[in-house]
């Protein structure tokens, strides 16, 4: 879920094995790898979308990695698409394929 919108649904194993949505991938990268060693935690760059008056486009696109964001992300909200049974993602990257 990102800014009140479901971006990916899957069982826990599938989600951790194959995170598809850029927000899910960024969140997975922010998880500490070694709890015994101090490390700098990685955050998700950018700022949260306006939740009072949310945009009609993809709510994550301002924070999406530049190699993933597309022009359609700035124009239209994505709809969830089935990647495999029980695993769906709402991202234009998967609608374009």
N, C-alpha and C. Protein backbone atom coordinates (compact mmCIF):
# COMPACT_ATOMS: atom_id res chain seq x y z
N UNK A 1 0.85 -1.17 0.00
CA UNK A 1 0.00 0.00 0.00
C UNK A 1 0.89 1.23 0.00
N UNK A 2 0.53 2.20 -0.83
CA UNK A 2 1.26 3.46 -0.87
C UNK A 2 0.25 4.59 -0.99
N UNK A 3 0.28 5.52 -0.06
CA UNK A 3 -0.58 6.71 -0.09
C UNK A 3 -2.06 6.33 -0.27
N UNK A 4 -2.50 5.30 0.44
CA UNK A 4 -3.89 4.88 0.39
C UNK A 4 -4.28 4.03 -0.80
N UNK A 5 -3.31 3.63 -1.60
CA UNK A 5 -3.58 2.81 -2.79
C UNK A 5 -2.84 1.49 -2.68
N UNK A 6 -3.54 0.40 -2.94
CA UNK A 6 -2.90 -0.91 -2.95
C UNK A 6 -2.02 -0.99 -4.20
N UNK A 7 -0.72 -1.23 -4.01
CA UNK A 7 0.20 -1.29 -5.15
C UNK A 7 0.61 -2.72 -5.48
N UNK A 8 0.52 -3.62 -4.50
CA UNK A 8 0.92 -5.01 -4.76
C UNK A 8 0.27 -5.92 -3.74
N UNK A 9 -0.22 -7.06 -4.21
CA UNK A 9 -0.78 -8.08 -3.32
C UNK A 9 -0.15 -9.42 -3.66
N UNK A 10 0.23 -10.13 -2.62
CA UNK A 10 0.83 -11.46 -2.78
C UNK A 10 0.95 -12.09 -1.41
N UNK A 11 1.16 -13.41 -1.38
CA UNK A 11 1.46 -14.01 -0.09
C UNK A 11 2.88 -13.59 0.29
N UNK A 12 3.20 -13.72 1.56
CA UNK A 12 4.47 -13.21 2.09
C UNK A 12 5.68 -13.77 1.35
N UNK A 13 5.70 -15.07 1.10
CA UNK A 13 6.86 -15.67 0.41
C UNK A 13 7.05 -15.10 -0.99
N UNK A 14 5.97 -14.99 -1.73
CA UNK A 14 6.06 -14.45 -3.09
C UNK A 14 6.50 -12.99 -3.07
N UNK A 15 5.97 -12.23 -2.11
CA UNK A 15 6.32 -10.81 -2.03
C UNK A 15 7.80 -10.63 -1.72
N UNK A 16 8.33 -11.40 -0.78
CA UNK A 16 9.75 -11.28 -0.44
C UNK A 16 10.65 -11.87 -1.53
N UNK A 17 10.18 -12.90 -2.21
CA UNK A 17 10.97 -13.53 -3.27
C UNK A 17 11.01 -12.66 -4.53
N UNK A 18 9.87 -12.07 -4.89
CA UNK A 18 9.77 -11.31 -6.13
C UNK A 18 8.97 -10.03 -5.92
N UNK A 19 9.55 -9.02 -5.26
CA UNK A 19 8.83 -7.76 -5.15
C UNK A 19 8.80 -7.08 -6.52
N UNK A 20 7.62 -6.71 -6.99
CA UNK A 20 7.48 -6.17 -8.34
C UNK A 20 7.33 -4.66 -8.37
N UNK A 21 6.48 -4.11 -7.53
CA UNK A 21 6.22 -2.68 -7.56
C UNK A 21 7.45 -1.90 -7.11
N UNK A 22 7.78 -0.78 -7.76
CA UNK A 22 8.95 0.00 -7.35
C UNK A 22 8.92 0.41 -5.88
N UNK A 23 7.74 0.73 -5.33
CA UNK A 23 7.66 1.07 -3.91
C UNK A 23 8.01 -0.14 -3.05
N UNK A 24 7.48 -1.30 -3.38
CA UNK A 24 7.80 -2.52 -2.63
C UNK A 24 9.30 -2.81 -2.71
N UNK A 25 9.90 -2.65 -3.88
CA UNK A 25 11.33 -2.88 -4.04
C UNK A 25 12.14 -1.92 -3.18
N UNK A 26 11.76 -0.64 -3.16
CA UNK A 26 12.46 0.35 -2.33
C UNK A 26 12.32 0.00 -0.85
N UNK A 27 11.14 -0.42 -0.43
CA UNK A 27 10.95 -0.81 0.97
C UNK A 27 11.81 -2.02 1.33
N UNK A 28 11.90 -2.98 0.44
CA UNK A 28 12.73 -4.17 0.69
C UNK A 28 14.21 -3.78 0.82
N UNK A 29 14.65 -2.81 0.02
CA UNK A 29 16.04 -2.36 0.09
C UNK A 29 16.34 -1.60 1.39
N UNK A 30 15.29 -1.11 2.06
CA UNK A 30 15.49 -0.34 3.28
C UNK A 30 15.59 -1.22 4.53
N UNK A 31 15.34 -2.53 4.40
CA UNK A 31 15.41 -3.44 5.54
C UNK A 31 16.86 -3.68 5.92
N UNK A 32 17.21 -3.52 7.21
CA UNK A 32 18.59 -3.79 7.64
C UNK A 32 19.00 -5.22 7.31
N UNK A 33 20.21 -5.39 6.84
CA UNK A 33 20.71 -6.72 6.45
C UNK A 33 21.34 -7.48 7.61
N UNK A 34 22.01 -6.75 8.50
CA UNK A 34 22.73 -7.39 9.59
C UNK A 34 22.40 -6.66 10.88
N UNK A 35 21.59 -7.26 11.72
CA UNK A 35 21.15 -6.61 12.95
C UNK A 35 22.27 -6.46 13.98
N UNK A 36 23.36 -7.17 13.82
CA UNK A 36 24.45 -7.11 14.79
C UNK A 36 25.46 -6.02 14.46
N UNK A 37 25.43 -5.50 13.25
CA UNK A 37 26.40 -4.51 12.83
C UNK A 37 25.67 -3.19 12.54
N UNK A 38 26.24 -2.09 13.01
CA UNK A 38 25.66 -0.79 12.70
C UNK A 38 25.83 -0.51 11.22
N UNK A 39 24.78 -0.05 10.60
CA UNK A 39 24.84 0.30 9.20
C UNK A 39 23.92 1.48 8.93
N UNK A 40 24.23 2.22 7.92
CA UNK A 40 23.37 3.33 7.53
C UNK A 40 22.16 2.75 6.82
N UNK A 41 20.98 3.09 7.33
CA UNK A 41 19.76 2.58 6.72
C UNK A 41 19.40 3.41 5.50
N UNK A 42 18.95 2.74 4.49
CA UNK A 42 18.54 3.40 3.25
C UNK A 42 17.06 3.72 3.35
N UNK A 43 16.70 4.94 3.02
CA UNK A 43 15.31 5.34 3.00
C UNK A 43 14.81 5.43 1.58
N UNK A 44 13.53 5.65 1.42
CA UNK A 44 12.95 5.84 0.10
C UNK A 44 13.04 7.33 -0.20
N UNK A 45 13.75 7.72 -1.28
CA UNK A 45 13.91 9.14 -1.58
C UNK A 45 12.59 9.84 -1.91
N UNK A 46 12.57 11.15 -1.75
CA UNK A 46 11.40 11.94 -2.12
C UNK A 46 10.42 12.13 -0.98
N UNK A 47 9.29 12.72 -1.30
CA UNK A 47 8.25 13.02 -0.32
C UNK A 47 6.95 12.32 -0.67
N UNK A 48 6.15 12.07 0.33
CA UNK A 48 4.85 11.43 0.16
C UNK A 48 3.92 12.32 -0.65
N UNK A 49 3.05 11.72 -1.44
CA UNK A 49 2.05 12.47 -2.22
C UNK A 49 1.09 13.19 -1.28
N UNK A 50 0.41 14.21 -1.80
CA UNK A 50 -0.62 14.92 -1.06
C UNK A 50 -1.78 13.97 -0.79
N UNK A 51 -2.03 13.66 0.48
CA UNK A 51 -3.09 12.71 0.82
C UNK A 51 -4.45 13.38 0.98
N UNK A 52 -4.48 14.69 1.16
CA UNK A 52 -5.73 15.42 1.28
C UNK A 52 -6.38 15.57 -0.10
N UNK A 53 -5.56 15.88 -1.08
CA UNK A 53 -6.03 16.03 -2.45
C UNK A 53 -5.09 15.22 -3.35
N UNK A 54 -5.24 13.88 -3.33
CA UNK A 54 -4.30 13.04 -4.07
C UNK A 54 -4.36 13.24 -5.58
N UNK A 55 -3.23 13.09 -6.24
CA UNK A 55 -3.21 13.23 -7.70
C UNK A 55 -3.95 12.08 -8.38
N UNK A 56 -4.40 12.32 -9.60
CA UNK A 56 -5.11 11.28 -10.36
C UNK A 56 -4.14 10.31 -11.03
N UNK A 57 -2.86 10.65 -11.04
CA UNK A 57 -1.86 9.79 -11.67
C UNK A 57 -1.32 8.77 -10.67
N UNK A 58 -0.26 8.09 -11.02
CA UNK A 58 0.38 7.16 -10.10
C UNK A 58 0.91 7.94 -8.92
N UNK A 59 0.50 7.60 -7.73
CA UNK A 59 0.89 8.35 -6.54
C UNK A 59 2.36 8.18 -6.19
N UNK A 60 2.99 7.12 -6.66
CA UNK A 60 4.39 6.87 -6.34
C UNK A 60 5.35 7.48 -7.36
N UNK A 61 4.88 7.90 -8.51
CA UNK A 61 5.80 8.29 -9.60
C UNK A 61 6.81 9.37 -9.23
N UNK A 62 6.51 10.35 -8.35
CA UNK A 62 7.55 11.32 -8.01
C UNK A 62 8.74 10.70 -7.25
N UNK A 63 8.52 9.55 -6.62
CA UNK A 63 9.57 8.89 -5.85
C UNK A 63 10.15 7.68 -6.59
N UNK A 64 9.57 7.34 -7.71
CA UNK A 64 9.98 6.16 -8.47
C UNK A 64 11.40 6.36 -9.02
N UNK A 65 12.22 5.31 -9.00
CA UNK A 65 13.56 5.43 -9.60
C UNK A 65 13.44 5.92 -11.05
N UNK A 66 14.34 6.80 -11.45
CA UNK A 66 14.24 7.44 -12.76
C UNK A 66 14.26 6.46 -13.92
N UNK A 67 14.88 5.31 -13.74
CA UNK A 67 14.91 4.34 -14.83
C UNK A 67 13.60 3.55 -14.94
N UNK A 68 12.66 3.75 -14.01
CA UNK A 68 11.39 3.03 -14.05
C UNK A 68 10.21 3.94 -14.38
N UNK A 69 10.27 5.21 -14.01
CA UNK A 69 9.15 6.12 -14.24
C UNK A 69 8.97 6.39 -15.72
N UNK A 70 7.71 6.41 -16.14
CA UNK A 70 7.37 6.66 -17.54
C UNK A 70 6.40 7.84 -17.62
N UNK A 71 6.22 8.38 -18.79
CA UNK A 71 5.31 9.52 -18.97
C UNK A 71 3.88 9.15 -18.56
N UNK A 72 3.44 7.94 -18.85
CA UNK A 72 2.08 7.52 -18.50
C UNK A 72 1.86 7.56 -16.98
N UNK A 73 2.92 7.40 -16.20
CA UNK A 73 2.83 7.44 -14.74
C UNK A 73 2.40 8.82 -14.25
N UNK A 74 2.74 9.86 -15.02
CA UNK A 74 2.38 11.23 -14.67
C UNK A 74 0.98 11.60 -15.14
N UNK A 75 0.31 10.69 -15.85
CA UNK A 75 -0.98 11.01 -16.45
C UNK A 75 -2.14 10.16 -15.92
N UNK A 76 -1.88 8.89 -15.64
CA UNK A 76 -2.96 7.95 -15.31
C UNK A 76 -2.55 7.04 -14.16
N UNK A 77 -3.51 6.79 -13.29
CA UNK A 77 -3.26 5.83 -12.20
C UNK A 77 -3.27 4.41 -12.78
N UNK A 78 -2.32 3.58 -12.36
CA UNK A 78 -2.31 2.21 -12.87
C UNK A 78 -3.41 1.36 -12.22
N UNK A 79 -3.81 0.32 -12.91
CA UNK A 79 -4.77 -0.64 -12.36
C UNK A 79 -4.00 -1.93 -12.06
N UNK A 80 -4.42 -2.66 -11.03
CA UNK A 80 -3.72 -3.92 -10.72
C UNK A 80 -3.81 -4.92 -11.87
N UNK A 81 -2.71 -5.61 -12.11
CA UNK A 81 -2.66 -6.64 -13.13
C UNK A 81 -2.06 -7.90 -12.49
N UNK A 82 -2.57 -9.07 -12.85
CA UNK A 82 -2.06 -10.32 -12.30
C UNK A 82 -0.71 -10.65 -12.92
N UNK A 83 0.28 -10.84 -12.08
CA UNK A 83 1.61 -11.25 -12.52
C UNK A 83 1.66 -12.77 -12.59
N UNK A 84 1.10 -13.40 -11.56
CA UNK A 84 0.94 -14.85 -11.47
C UNK A 84 -0.23 -15.07 -10.54
N UNK A 85 -0.79 -16.26 -10.46
CA UNK A 85 -1.93 -16.47 -9.56
C UNK A 85 -1.60 -16.05 -8.13
N UNK A 86 -2.42 -15.18 -7.57
CA UNK A 86 -2.23 -14.72 -6.20
C UNK A 86 -1.23 -13.59 -6.05
N UNK A 87 -0.65 -13.10 -7.15
CA UNK A 87 0.33 -12.01 -7.08
C UNK A 87 -0.05 -10.97 -8.13
N UNK A 88 -0.51 -9.81 -7.65
CA UNK A 88 -0.91 -8.73 -8.55
C UNK A 88 -0.13 -7.47 -8.22
N UNK A 89 0.08 -6.63 -9.23
CA UNK A 89 0.81 -5.39 -9.05
C UNK A 89 0.11 -4.28 -9.84
N UNK A 90 0.01 -3.10 -9.22
CA UNK A 90 -0.59 -1.94 -9.88
C UNK A 90 0.51 -0.98 -10.30
N UNK A 91 1.14 -1.27 -11.43
CA UNK A 91 2.25 -0.45 -11.91
C UNK A 91 2.23 -0.47 -13.44
N UNK A 92 2.43 0.69 -14.04
CA UNK A 92 2.44 0.79 -15.49
C UNK A 92 3.54 -0.05 -16.14
N UNK A 93 4.60 -0.34 -15.40
CA UNK A 93 5.65 -1.19 -15.96
C UNK A 93 5.11 -2.53 -16.39
N UNK A 94 4.12 -3.03 -15.67
CA UNK A 94 3.55 -4.34 -15.97
C UNK A 94 2.35 -4.27 -16.90
N UNK A 95 1.76 -3.09 -17.02
CA UNK A 95 0.66 -2.90 -17.95
C UNK A 95 1.19 -2.73 -19.37
N UNK A 96 2.42 -2.23 -19.48
CA UNK A 96 3.02 -1.97 -20.80
C UNK A 96 3.53 -3.23 -21.48
N UNK A 97 3.71 -4.31 -20.71
CA UNK A 97 4.26 -5.53 -21.30
C UNK A 97 3.19 -6.45 -21.81
